[in-house]
Protein backbone atom coordinates (compact mmCIF):
# COMPACT_ATOMS: atom_id res chain seq x y z
CA MET A 1 73.67 108.33 156.17
CA LEU A 2 74.15 111.26 153.91
CA THR A 3 74.83 114.65 155.50
CA THR A 4 75.97 118.05 154.30
CA PRO A 5 79.74 118.19 153.92
CA LEU A 6 81.82 119.02 156.98
CA TYR A 7 83.76 121.20 154.52
CA THR A 8 80.89 123.63 154.38
CA ARG A 9 80.13 123.47 158.08
CA HIS A 10 83.64 123.91 159.36
CA LEU A 11 85.17 126.26 156.76
CA SER A 12 83.87 129.72 155.98
CA ASP A 13 82.54 130.81 152.64
CA PHE A 14 86.00 132.12 151.86
CA PHE A 15 86.75 128.51 150.85
CA HIS A 16 83.62 127.71 148.89
CA LYS A 17 80.69 129.16 146.92
CA PRO A 18 77.15 127.85 146.96
CA ILE A 19 75.82 126.48 143.70
CA THR A 20 72.59 124.98 142.53
CA PRO A 21 73.14 122.26 139.93
CA LEU A 22 70.33 122.33 137.38
CA PRO A 23 68.44 119.08 136.72
CA PRO A 24 69.77 117.32 133.61
CA PRO A 25 67.11 116.81 130.88
CA ALA A 26 67.18 113.01 130.98
CA PRO A 27 69.62 111.57 133.57
CA GLN A 28 70.29 107.89 133.27
CA ILE A 29 72.65 105.70 135.26
CA ILE A 30 75.23 104.00 133.05
CA ALA A 31 77.43 102.57 135.77
CA LEU A 32 76.75 102.19 139.47
CA ASN A 33 79.40 100.91 141.86
CA GLU A 34 77.16 98.74 144.01
CA THR A 35 80.01 97.38 146.14
CA LEU A 36 81.06 100.94 147.04
CA ALA A 37 77.45 102.00 147.56
CA HIS A 38 76.99 99.14 150.08
CA ASP A 39 80.22 100.16 151.82
CA LEU A 40 78.86 103.71 152.18
CA GLY A 41 75.57 102.42 153.53
CA LEU A 42 73.66 103.62 150.45
CA ASP A 43 70.68 101.71 149.25
CA VAL A 44 71.17 100.65 145.67
CA ALA A 45 67.45 100.54 144.93
CA TRP A 46 67.06 104.07 146.27
CA LEU A 47 69.98 105.31 144.04
CA HIS A 48 68.08 103.97 141.04
CA SER A 49 64.87 105.74 142.15
CA PRO A 50 63.95 109.30 141.03
CA ALA A 51 65.10 110.58 144.45
CA GLY A 52 68.41 108.77 144.16
CA ILE A 53 69.01 110.01 140.64
CA ALA A 54 68.22 113.53 141.80
CA PHE A 55 70.91 113.08 144.43
CA LEU A 56 73.46 111.69 142.05
CA SER A 57 72.85 114.37 139.45
CA GLN A 58 72.03 117.46 141.50
CA GLY A 59 73.15 116.63 145.06
CA LEU A 60 69.63 116.74 146.48
CA LEU A 61 69.80 115.13 149.89
CA PRO A 62 66.97 112.81 151.00
CA THR A 63 66.53 115.10 154.05
CA PRO A 64 66.18 118.71 153.00
CA SER A 65 69.12 120.87 154.11
CA PRO A 66 69.54 124.64 154.29
CA GLN A 67 73.02 124.22 152.81
CA SER A 68 73.28 123.69 149.08
CA PRO A 69 76.13 121.99 147.18
CA VAL A 70 79.30 124.03 146.92
CA ALA A 71 82.13 124.55 144.56
CA THR A 72 85.42 124.65 146.48
CA ALA A 73 88.05 127.36 146.02
CA TYR A 74 91.72 126.64 145.41
CA ALA A 75 94.73 127.96 143.52
CA GLY A 76 97.45 125.96 141.80
CA HIS A 77 100.71 125.74 139.84
CA GLN A 78 99.66 124.49 136.41
CA PHE A 79 102.73 123.19 134.55
CA GLY A 80 104.83 125.33 136.82
CA GLN A 81 102.84 128.59 136.37
CA PHE A 82 100.99 129.86 139.41
CA VAL A 83 97.24 130.61 138.96
CA PRO A 84 95.95 132.29 142.08
CA SER A 85 92.27 131.43 141.57
CA LEU A 86 91.13 128.15 140.11
CA GLY A 87 88.44 126.30 142.07
CA ASP A 88 85.87 123.71 140.99
CA GLY A 89 84.89 124.91 137.60
CA ARG A 90 82.58 121.92 136.92
CA ALA A 91 82.24 120.10 140.25
CA ALA A 92 79.84 120.19 143.19
CA LEU A 93 80.66 118.91 146.64
CA ILE A 94 77.37 117.42 147.72
CA ALA A 95 77.56 115.28 150.85
CA ASP A 96 79.56 113.44 153.48
CA CYS A 97 78.97 109.78 154.09
CA GLN A 98 80.52 107.32 156.60
CA ASP A 99 81.84 103.99 155.32
CA GLN A 100 81.75 100.67 157.10
CA ASN A 101 85.10 101.44 158.84
CA GLY A 102 83.70 104.65 160.29
CA THR A 103 85.69 106.86 157.93
CA MET A 104 83.96 109.98 156.72
CA MET A 105 84.05 110.32 152.88
CA GLU A 106 83.13 113.27 150.64
CA LEU A 107 80.92 112.84 147.62
CA GLN A 108 81.37 115.11 144.64
CA ILE A 109 79.64 115.47 141.28
CA LYS A 110 81.90 116.26 138.35
CA GLY A 111 80.17 117.89 135.38
CA SER A 112 77.32 119.52 137.28
CA GLY A 113 77.42 122.84 135.38
CA ARG A 114 78.76 126.34 135.71
CA THR A 115 80.21 127.58 138.97
CA PRO A 116 81.76 130.85 140.09
CA PHE A 117 85.11 129.26 139.15
CA SER A 118 84.18 128.05 135.60
CA ARG A 119 86.25 130.85 133.95
CA GLY A 120 84.13 130.89 130.78
CA GLY A 121 83.70 127.12 130.59
CA ASP A 122 80.36 125.33 130.44
CA GLY A 123 81.01 123.34 133.62
CA LYS A 124 79.91 120.12 131.85
CA ASN A 125 81.50 116.66 131.63
CA THR A 126 81.20 114.34 128.72
CA LEU A 127 80.74 110.63 128.48
CA GLY A 128 84.30 109.60 127.47
CA PRO A 129 86.15 111.32 130.33
CA ALA A 130 83.57 110.27 132.86
CA LEU A 131 83.82 106.59 131.93
CA ARG A 132 87.61 106.83 131.75
CA GLU A 133 87.81 108.11 135.33
CA TYR A 134 85.46 105.40 136.47
CA ILE A 135 87.54 102.70 134.85
CA VAL A 136 90.96 103.94 135.91
CA SER A 137 90.13 105.03 139.48
CA GLU A 138 88.45 101.69 140.23
CA ALA A 139 91.40 99.84 138.62
CA MET A 140 93.78 101.76 140.87
CA HIS A 141 91.71 100.79 143.89
CA ALA A 142 91.94 97.10 142.82
CA LEU A 143 95.68 97.58 142.52
CA ASN A 144 95.73 98.70 146.19
CA ILE A 145 96.80 102.26 145.33
CA PRO A 146 95.26 105.06 147.32
CA THR A 147 92.74 106.81 145.08
CA THR A 148 89.46 108.61 144.83
CA ARG A 149 86.70 106.14 144.00
CA ALA A 150 83.91 106.24 141.41
CA LEU A 151 80.35 105.76 142.65
CA ALA A 152 78.38 106.36 139.44
CA VAL A 153 78.35 107.66 135.91
CA LEU A 154 75.15 109.05 134.48
CA THR A 155 74.39 110.38 131.04
CA THR A 156 72.49 113.65 131.14
CA GLY A 157 70.51 113.58 127.90
CA GLU A 158 72.41 116.58 126.63
CA THR A 159 74.73 116.97 123.65
CA ILE A 160 77.92 118.91 124.51
CA GLU A 161 80.04 120.64 122.00
CA ARG A 162 83.76 120.02 122.15
CA ASN A 163 86.66 120.47 119.77
CA SER A 164 86.10 116.92 118.50
CA GLY A 165 82.41 117.73 117.77
CA PRO A 166 79.16 116.97 119.58
CA VAL A 167 79.41 114.31 122.40
CA PRO A 168 76.96 113.01 124.99
CA GLY A 169 76.94 114.88 128.26
CA ALA A 170 77.67 112.92 131.46
CA LEU A 171 78.33 113.17 135.19
CA ILE A 172 80.65 111.18 137.44
CA VAL A 173 80.05 110.97 141.14
CA ARG A 174 83.37 110.39 142.95
CA VAL A 175 84.23 109.64 146.54
CA ALA A 176 87.30 110.83 148.47
CA ARG A 177 88.41 111.14 152.08
CA SER A 178 88.92 114.76 151.30
CA HIS A 179 89.22 117.05 148.29
CA ILE A 180 91.63 119.35 150.16
CA ARG A 181 94.74 119.84 148.01
CA VAL A 182 97.93 121.78 148.00
CA GLY A 183 96.17 124.34 145.93
CA SER A 184 93.68 124.86 148.79
CA PHE A 185 96.55 126.09 150.97
CA GLN A 186 97.92 128.21 148.17
CA TYR A 187 94.56 129.87 147.73
CA ALA A 188 94.38 130.58 151.46
CA ALA A 189 97.91 131.99 151.54
CA ALA A 190 97.38 134.12 148.40
CA HIS A 191 94.04 135.62 149.33
CA GLY A 192 93.56 135.29 153.11
CA GLY A 193 96.92 135.23 154.75
CA LEU A 194 98.23 133.17 157.59
CA GLU A 195 94.91 132.84 159.49
CA ARG A 196 93.21 131.41 156.53
CA VAL A 197 96.08 128.95 156.11
CA ARG A 198 95.60 128.02 159.76
CA ASP A 199 91.88 127.48 159.12
CA VAL A 200 92.40 125.05 156.32
CA ALA A 201 95.24 123.33 158.14
CA ASP A 202 93.00 122.79 161.25
CA PHE A 203 90.23 121.42 159.06
CA THR A 204 92.66 119.06 157.30
CA ILE A 205 93.88 117.80 160.64
CA GLN A 206 90.35 117.29 161.89
CA ARG A 207 89.31 115.47 158.71
CA LEU A 208 92.38 113.36 157.92
CA PHE A 209 94.76 113.30 160.91
CA PRO A 210 92.66 113.83 164.06
CA HIS A 211 95.40 112.49 166.37
CA LEU A 212 97.45 115.61 165.52
CA ALA A 213 94.81 117.78 167.14
CA GLU A 214 96.09 116.66 170.54
CA GLU A 215 99.51 118.31 169.89
CA ASP A 216 100.25 121.97 170.55
CA GLY A 217 99.74 124.35 167.66
CA PRO A 218 103.17 124.72 165.99
CA THR A 219 103.96 121.01 166.38
CA ARG A 220 100.74 119.85 164.83
CA TYR A 221 101.32 121.89 161.67
CA TYR A 222 104.87 120.67 161.29
CA ASN A 223 103.71 117.08 161.73
CA LEU A 224 100.92 117.66 159.24
CA LEU A 225 103.56 118.52 156.64
CA LYS A 226 105.56 115.44 157.59
CA LEU A 227 102.59 113.13 157.26
CA VAL A 228 101.63 114.48 153.91
CA ILE A 229 105.23 114.02 152.73
CA GLN A 230 105.18 110.38 153.89
CA LYS A 231 101.88 109.71 152.14
CA HIS A 232 103.05 111.21 148.82
CA ALA A 233 106.41 109.44 148.91
CA ALA A 234 104.49 106.16 149.30
CA LEU A 235 101.89 107.09 146.70
CA THR A 236 104.42 108.13 144.02
CA ALA A 237 106.37 104.91 144.58
CA ARG A 238 103.19 102.85 144.08
CA TRP A 239 102.50 104.72 140.79
CA MET A 240 106.02 103.85 139.65
CA GLU A 241 105.52 100.13 140.53
CA VAL A 242 102.59 99.74 138.13
CA GLY A 243 103.80 102.02 135.36
CA PHE A 244 101.18 104.69 136.05
CA ILE A 245 101.67 108.20 134.68
CA HIS A 246 99.37 110.77 136.31
CA GLY A 247 99.81 113.25 133.41
CA VAL A 248 98.92 116.46 135.20
CA MET A 249 100.69 116.73 138.57
CA ASN A 250 99.69 120.28 139.17
CA THR A 251 99.46 121.42 142.80
CA ASP A 252 95.69 121.61 142.48
CA ASN A 253 95.70 117.84 141.83
CA CYS A 254 97.91 116.98 144.83
CA ALA A 255 95.52 115.82 147.55
CA LEU A 256 96.54 116.13 151.27
CA SER A 257 94.92 112.71 151.89
CA GLY A 258 97.57 111.01 149.73
CA GLU A 259 94.93 109.73 147.32
CA THR A 260 95.35 109.82 143.53
CA LEU A 261 93.21 112.76 142.42
CA ASP A 262 92.11 113.65 138.85
CA TYR A 263 92.16 111.10 136.05
CA GLY A 264 92.37 113.44 133.09
CA PRO A 265 95.27 112.73 130.70
CA CYS A 266 96.61 109.80 132.80
CA ALA A 267 97.82 106.53 131.25
CA PHE A 268 99.67 103.27 131.98
CA MET A 269 102.91 102.55 130.10
CA ASP A 270 103.10 99.64 127.66
CA ARG A 271 106.76 99.61 126.69
CA PHE A 272 108.98 100.85 129.50
CA ASP A 273 110.37 104.31 129.00
CA PRO A 274 111.35 106.53 131.92
CA MET A 275 110.57 109.62 129.85
CA LYS A 276 107.21 108.40 128.66
CA HIS A 277 104.35 110.93 128.82
CA PHE A 278 101.03 110.92 127.16
CA SER A 279 99.32 114.28 127.87
CA PHE A 280 98.90 116.19 124.62
CA ILE A 281 99.46 119.48 126.44
CA ASP A 282 102.61 118.27 128.21
CA LYS A 283 104.86 119.11 125.28
CA ASP A 284 108.10 119.11 127.27
CA GLY A 285 107.44 115.97 129.35
CA ARG A 286 107.27 117.84 132.68
CA TYR A 287 105.15 115.06 134.10
CA ALA A 288 106.85 112.09 132.45
CA TYR A 289 106.96 108.77 134.28
CA GLY A 290 110.52 109.23 135.56
CA ARG A 291 110.05 112.78 136.66
CA GLN A 292 107.09 112.08 138.97
CA PRO A 293 109.10 111.73 142.16
CA ALA A 294 110.77 115.07 141.57
CA LEU A 295 107.52 116.70 140.76
CA ALA A 296 105.86 115.29 143.89
CA LEU A 297 108.62 116.86 145.94
CA TRP A 298 108.16 120.14 144.03
CA ASN A 299 104.44 120.14 144.89
CA LEU A 300 105.16 119.34 148.55
CA SER A 301 107.61 122.23 148.65
CA ARG A 302 104.73 124.58 147.62
CA LEU A 303 102.76 123.23 150.58
CA ALA A 304 105.67 123.86 152.90
CA GLU A 305 105.84 127.47 151.68
CA CYS A 306 102.29 127.96 152.87
CA LEU A 307 102.61 126.12 156.15
CA PHE A 308 106.07 127.07 157.53
CA PRO A 309 104.95 130.36 159.09
CA LEU A 310 102.86 128.32 161.48
CA PHE A 311 105.89 126.30 162.69
CA ASP A 312 107.67 128.99 164.60
CA GLU A 313 107.53 132.69 165.10
CA ASP A 314 111.18 132.85 164.19
CA GLU A 315 111.20 132.66 160.37
CA HIS A 316 114.71 131.25 160.15
CA ARG A 317 113.84 128.34 162.52
CA ALA A 318 110.55 127.77 160.71
CA ILE A 319 112.25 127.53 157.31
CA GLU A 320 114.83 125.11 158.78
CA GLN A 321 111.99 122.83 159.99
CA ALA A 322 110.31 122.92 156.59
CA GLN A 323 113.57 122.02 154.85
CA GLU A 324 114.21 119.22 157.32
CA ALA A 325 110.80 117.73 156.60
CA LEU A 326 111.27 118.04 152.80
CA HIS A 327 114.71 116.48 152.89
CA GLU A 328 113.07 113.27 154.13
CA PHE A 329 111.11 112.83 150.92
CA ASP A 330 114.01 111.37 148.93
CA HIS A 331 114.76 108.82 151.62
CA LEU A 332 111.11 107.84 152.04
CA PHE A 333 110.47 107.58 148.35
CA HIS A 334 113.65 105.58 147.74
CA HIS A 335 112.73 103.22 150.54
CA ASN A 336 109.26 102.70 149.21
CA TRP A 337 110.42 102.35 145.61
CA LEU A 338 113.13 99.83 146.41
CA SER A 339 110.83 97.83 148.68
CA GLY A 340 108.14 97.75 145.99
CA PHE A 341 110.46 96.61 143.22
CA ARG A 342 112.03 93.99 145.50
CA ARG A 343 108.50 92.59 145.92
CA LYS A 344 107.99 92.65 142.18
CA LEU A 345 111.17 90.50 141.79
CA GLY A 346 110.29 88.26 144.71
CA LEU A 347 113.19 89.38 146.83
CA GLU A 348 112.40 89.04 150.49
CA LYS A 349 115.94 89.66 151.78
CA GLN A 350 117.75 93.01 151.43
CA ASP A 351 121.05 93.31 149.66
CA GLU A 352 123.05 96.49 149.09
CA HIS A 353 123.47 95.59 145.42
CA ASP A 354 119.70 95.35 144.74
CA ILE A 355 119.55 98.85 143.43
CA ARG A 356 122.03 98.09 140.67
CA LEU A 357 120.17 94.95 139.71
CA LEU A 358 116.88 96.79 139.46
CA GLU A 359 118.38 99.68 137.50
CA HIS A 360 120.05 97.29 135.10
CA LEU A 361 116.80 95.39 134.52
CA LEU A 362 114.79 98.60 133.91
CA GLU A 363 117.48 99.93 131.54
CA THR A 364 117.37 96.67 129.64
CA MET A 365 113.59 96.85 129.46
CA HIS A 366 113.94 100.34 128.05
CA THR A 367 116.53 99.62 125.42
CA GLY A 368 114.84 96.23 124.69
CA GLN A 369 111.39 97.94 124.13
CA ALA A 370 109.86 95.48 126.57
CA ASP A 371 106.37 95.76 128.02
CA PHE A 372 106.62 96.82 131.66
CA THR A 373 103.59 94.92 132.96
CA ASN A 374 104.10 91.71 131.01
CA ILE A 375 107.78 91.33 131.94
CA PHE A 376 107.11 91.39 135.65
CA ARG A 377 104.03 89.15 135.27
CA MET A 378 106.05 86.59 133.29
CA LEU A 379 108.82 86.72 135.97
CA SER A 380 106.01 85.70 138.36
CA SER A 381 104.78 82.78 136.28
CA THR A 382 105.21 79.15 137.31
CA SER A 383 107.38 78.47 134.27
CA VAL A 384 109.88 81.18 135.27
CA ALA A 385 109.71 81.58 139.04
CA VAL A 386 109.33 77.87 139.85
CA GLU A 387 110.69 75.96 136.85
CA GLY A 388 113.40 78.50 135.88
CA HIS A 389 112.53 78.79 132.15
CA TYR A 390 113.75 82.28 131.64
CA HIS A 391 113.58 82.02 127.88
CA ASN A 392 109.86 82.81 128.30
CA VAL A 393 110.91 86.26 129.60
CA ARG A 394 113.61 86.62 126.97
CA ASP A 395 111.04 86.13 124.25
CA LEU A 396 109.16 89.23 125.49
CA PHE A 397 112.17 91.45 124.57
CA PRO A 398 111.72 92.60 120.97
CA THR A 399 115.41 93.71 120.91
CA ASN A 400 118.45 93.63 123.20
CA LYS A 401 117.95 89.96 124.24
CA GLY A 402 121.64 89.57 124.97
CA HIS A 403 121.44 92.23 127.62
CA PHE A 404 118.55 90.41 129.26
CA ASP A 405 120.75 87.33 129.47
CA LEU A 406 123.17 89.35 131.64
CA CYS A 407 120.22 90.48 133.81
CA ARG A 408 119.10 86.89 134.18
CA THR A 409 122.52 85.88 135.39
CA GLU A 410 122.46 88.70 137.98
CA LEU A 411 119.01 87.75 139.16
CA LEU A 412 119.83 84.03 139.50
CA HIS A 413 122.88 84.93 141.53
CA ARG A 414 120.81 87.24 143.72
CA LEU A 415 118.20 84.50 144.30
CA THR A 416 120.80 82.36 146.05
CA LEU A 417 120.38 84.67 149.04
CA GLU A 418 116.64 83.90 149.28
CA GLU A 419 115.30 81.37 151.73
CA ARG A 420 111.63 81.04 150.65
CA SER A 421 110.66 78.11 148.42
CA PRO A 422 110.31 78.98 144.68
CA LYS A 423 106.52 78.31 144.95
CA ALA A 424 106.08 80.67 147.99
CA ARG A 425 108.13 83.30 146.19
CA GLN A 426 106.02 82.98 143.05
CA GLU A 427 102.75 83.36 144.94
CA ALA A 428 104.05 86.51 146.61
CA MET A 429 105.12 87.89 143.22
CA GLN A 430 101.74 87.13 141.60
CA ALA A 431 100.04 89.08 144.42
CA THR A 432 102.24 92.07 143.49
CA ASN A 433 102.54 92.00 139.71
CA PRO A 434 99.19 92.54 137.95
CA ARG A 435 98.12 90.41 135.11
CA ILE A 436 95.99 93.20 133.72
CA ILE A 437 96.11 97.01 133.81
CA PRO A 438 93.81 99.54 132.13
CA ARG A 439 95.73 99.66 128.90
CA ASN A 440 95.19 102.80 126.85
CA HIS A 441 94.07 101.05 123.71
CA GLN A 442 91.58 98.91 125.60
CA ILE A 443 90.12 101.99 127.31
CA GLU A 444 89.84 103.89 124.00
CA ASN A 445 88.08 100.94 122.43
CA ALA A 446 85.59 100.71 125.31
CA LEU A 447 84.97 104.48 125.18
CA SER A 448 84.50 104.58 121.40
CA GLN A 449 81.93 101.76 121.64
CA ALA A 450 80.19 103.57 124.49
CA LEU A 451 79.90 106.72 122.40
CA LYS A 452 78.03 104.59 119.86
CA GLY A 453 75.66 103.32 122.56
CA ASP A 454 77.33 99.96 123.22
CA TYR A 455 78.39 99.77 126.91
CA GLN A 456 79.29 96.09 126.95
CA PRO A 457 83.08 96.61 126.18
CA PHE A 458 83.20 99.17 129.08
CA HIS A 459 81.47 96.77 131.55
CA ARG A 460 83.62 93.85 130.38
CA LEU A 461 86.88 95.81 130.85
CA HIS A 462 85.74 97.16 134.22
CA GLU A 463 84.90 93.65 135.40
CA ALA A 464 88.25 92.24 134.36
CA LEU A 465 90.12 95.04 136.11
CA LYS A 466 88.46 94.12 139.41
CA THR A 467 90.76 91.19 139.83
CA PRO A 468 94.09 92.36 138.41
CA PHE A 469 96.28 89.72 140.12
CA ALA A 470 94.14 86.64 139.34
CA GLU A 471 95.06 84.28 136.54
CA ALA A 472 92.66 84.42 133.53
CA ASP A 473 92.70 83.85 129.85
CA ASP A 474 91.68 87.30 128.79
CA ALA A 475 92.37 89.14 125.51
CA LEU A 476 92.18 92.40 127.50
CA THR A 477 95.76 91.77 128.76
CA ALA A 478 97.17 91.98 125.18
CA THR A 479 99.70 94.70 124.33
CA PRO A 480 98.64 97.09 121.55
CA SER A 481 99.58 96.58 117.94
CA PRO A 482 101.36 99.53 116.32
CA GLU A 483 97.99 100.68 114.84
CA GLU A 484 96.28 100.46 118.31
CA GLU A 485 98.97 102.27 120.26
CA VAL A 486 97.74 105.43 122.00
CA ARG A 487 100.32 108.19 121.91
CA TYR A 488 98.37 111.09 123.41
CA THR A 489 95.69 111.49 126.04
CA PHE A 490 93.47 114.51 126.68
CA CYS A 491 92.01 116.00 129.87
CA GLY A 492 88.46 116.10 128.47
CA THR A 493 87.56 119.69 129.43
């Protein structure tokens, strides 16, 4: 059942502004996530009807409501520079909906037009970025990584002018447990003071962590910070395990729910490189792959700056508590990261030397220009994990093959500590190491064909990414040729 968002009912208009999305000239559904729709209790046939399309494109609820869609207010550090007023410049929060597990989810249209926060922009989305977010967010879900979901992409019938020229207008409807972000707290602190911070903290607890509401005031806010730190330590480690680079880890893209939010200039690595970054505007590599843990902690520190006055009336004690919580991040991240890469190598036991083995392997992949995904998938193959034919992995190193031989020796020695059968170990590895990821060149090919009116490559890629761990003979797993390699990604605004 669709209802007006709790966000608008429980937070004052300090945190949001009403908007009325205009009807697009000729809205047409290009992609509808029927599985997600069923999980949300939404009737697929209704979504295809004129009333359903009006909901997906304008946020018009089936039961008339006195409350209109809203654009939410937030601030943010963008590439380290604080911007006190950002907000949804092209998004409309339109409804809440309960999934089959009883979890309340928010629905948001991205590309719905100008809002009070558009800052001179047109508030529109275009087809390429909308389809890109659909593909990558659903791929992340299939990889078991916390993420916002994509419910639908619609073309609007408009032509939008961008730097690259005229492109088709589009909307994406995304679903999240909450769109509250670190920037929401920064906005409250910058413009409303401590009571506004308390308001958004209480709403966040109600929405995401209701068990904290039973605790006394100061304790609940301290534990809120701790829970968010735990979630982001785990999330960032999961990104690292699959070679995902978010691309724009600004505080306004750091969700309190621990879900991956905003799929602008994101990308997955092909060849392993800890300093790999794709975003065209990230000239200095601030958000490079290997810097993501440090930037996650940096963002969480900005959240702590907003929250700590709620911990204790004594400022010194409050700061100490915030520092204590933040100091846990490194331990939590390292634990999640090490556990994840142990799983990728099929290591069930724990050994104090595992960190050196993993670092040696990753360094060898870097210097050997090896493909991150394919190396781990080959290590999970029957020929390697069961039959021990490591030359199949060696062949995937364009250079530095001798260094891989040393890694193989270390790994074989380490495997003597394991007790599982090779077959059981291999099955566990294949459930961890994906066969297919949304490779940049495959996405770009699908999007370029879609812009010409051919959506088959998009649907074919999306279908393949639904089962990333299953074996299949699929050309979509191929690494890019030098001519196909994507070096830069763009946010699409």
